[in-house]
Amino acid sequence: MSRGLDARRGRLFLWEIHRVFDTIAIAGATGAVGTIICQMLAERKFPFKHIKFLASGRSAGKPIRFAGREYTIEELTPDAFNGVD
């Protein structure tokens, strides 16, 4: 369990102290920036109960690995954000 301090940089991350997010989404999960965001969330153990990986229709339905688990990519549409914190 994280203590809210990134020892490498000495920064406090408030999300690690205050709450666990119910559902988060990564838009553009298969792109360059989305890949980096996924890496950062995993490294920093960002607290969430559910996660959605969103990308273009070409990627929708394909598997994606995150933090040792496999998820299915969903198509990025306005409705894809329903229920996301």
Protein backbone atom coordinates (compact mmCIF):
# COMPACT_ATOMS: atom_id res chain seq x y z
CA MET A 1 0.00 0.00 0.00
CA SER A 2 1.29 3.39 -0.94
CA ARG A 3 1.88 6.08 1.65
CA GLY A 4 1.18 8.98 -0.68
CA LEU A 5 4.83 9.87 -1.23
CA ASP A 6 6.78 9.21 -4.38
CA ALA A 7 10.23 8.48 -2.95
CA ARG A 8 11.95 9.08 -6.28
CA ARG A 9 10.68 12.61 -6.56
CA GLY A 10 9.61 13.39 -3.00
CA ARG A 11 6.13 14.47 -4.14
CA LEU A 12 2.88 13.89 -2.37
CA PHE A 13 0.04 12.48 -4.46
CA LEU A 14 -3.27 13.53 -2.94
CA TRP A 15 -5.30 10.76 -4.60
CA GLU A 16 -3.36 8.22 -2.56
CA ILE A 17 -4.50 9.83 0.66
CA HIS A 18 -8.09 10.85 0.02
CA ARG A 19 -10.05 8.33 -2.00
CA VAL A 20 -10.36 5.36 -4.28
CA PHE A 21 -12.04 6.16 -7.58
CA ASP A 22 -14.90 3.87 -8.56
CA THR A 23 -14.38 3.92 -12.34
CA ILE A 24 -11.68 5.62 -14.41
CA ALA A 25 -11.14 5.66 -18.17
CA ILE A 26 -8.07 6.01 -20.37
CA ALA A 27 -8.96 7.72 -23.65
CA GLY A 28 -6.64 6.79 -26.48
CA ALA A 29 -5.31 3.84 -24.50
CA THR A 30 -3.51 2.27 -27.47
CA GLY A 31 -1.77 5.47 -28.58
CA ALA A 32 1.60 6.84 -27.50
CA VAL A 33 0.25 9.10 -24.74
CA GLY A 34 -2.31 6.54 -23.56
CA THR A 35 0.44 3.95 -23.21
CA ILE A 36 2.47 6.31 -21.03
CA ILE A 37 -0.57 7.16 -18.90
CA CYS A 38 -1.22 3.45 -18.35
CA GLN A 39 2.40 2.94 -17.29
CA MET A 40 2.22 5.86 -14.85
CA LEU A 41 -1.05 4.66 -13.31
CA ALA A 42 0.38 1.19 -12.79
CA GLU A 43 3.70 2.43 -11.39
CA ARG A 44 2.01 4.81 -8.96
CA LYS A 45 -0.71 2.33 -8.01
CA PHE A 46 -3.47 4.80 -8.78
CA PRO A 47 -6.49 3.72 -6.71
CA PHE A 48 -9.58 2.59 -8.64
CA LYS A 49 -12.14 -0.17 -8.54
CA HIS A 50 -12.83 -0.36 -12.29
CA ILE A 51 -10.96 0.85 -15.36
CA LYS A 52 -12.06 1.31 -18.97
CA PHE A 53 -9.64 1.43 -21.88
CA LEU A 54 -11.02 3.51 -24.74
CA ALA A 55 -9.66 3.79 -28.28
CA SER A 56 -10.75 4.03 -31.90
CA GLY A 57 -13.15 1.60 -33.50
CA ARG A 58 -10.16 -0.20 -35.05
CA SER A 59 -8.87 -1.13 -31.60
CA ALA A 60 -12.25 -1.81 -29.97
CA GLY A 61 -12.66 -5.42 -28.91
CA LYS A 62 -8.92 -6.11 -28.77
CA PRO A 63 -7.26 -7.16 -25.52
CA ILE A 64 -4.96 -4.88 -23.53
CA ARG A 65 -2.82 -5.85 -20.53
CA PHE A 66 -2.62 -3.60 -17.51
CA ALA A 67 -1.15 -4.33 -14.09
CA GLY A 68 -1.03 -8.06 -14.73
CA ARG A 69 -4.62 -8.36 -15.97
CA GLU A 70 -6.22 -8.46 -19.39
CA TYR A 71 -9.00 -6.04 -20.34
CA THR A 72 -11.00 -5.44 -23.52
CA ILE A 73 -10.67 -2.10 -25.29
CA GLU A 74 -13.94 -0.24 -25.81
CA GLU A 75 -14.71 2.17 -28.62
CA LEU A 76 -14.19 5.81 -27.69
CA THR A 77 -17.63 7.43 -27.92
CA PRO A 78 -19.33 10.09 -25.79
CA ASP A 79 -21.39 7.35 -24.11
CA ALA A 80 -18.24 5.45 -23.17
CA PHE A 81 -17.74 7.94 -20.34
CA ASN A 82 -21.05 7.15 -18.65
CA GLY A 83 -20.33 6.11 -15.07
CA VAL A 84 -16.72 7.32 -15.13
CA ASP A 85 -15.50 9.44 -12.20
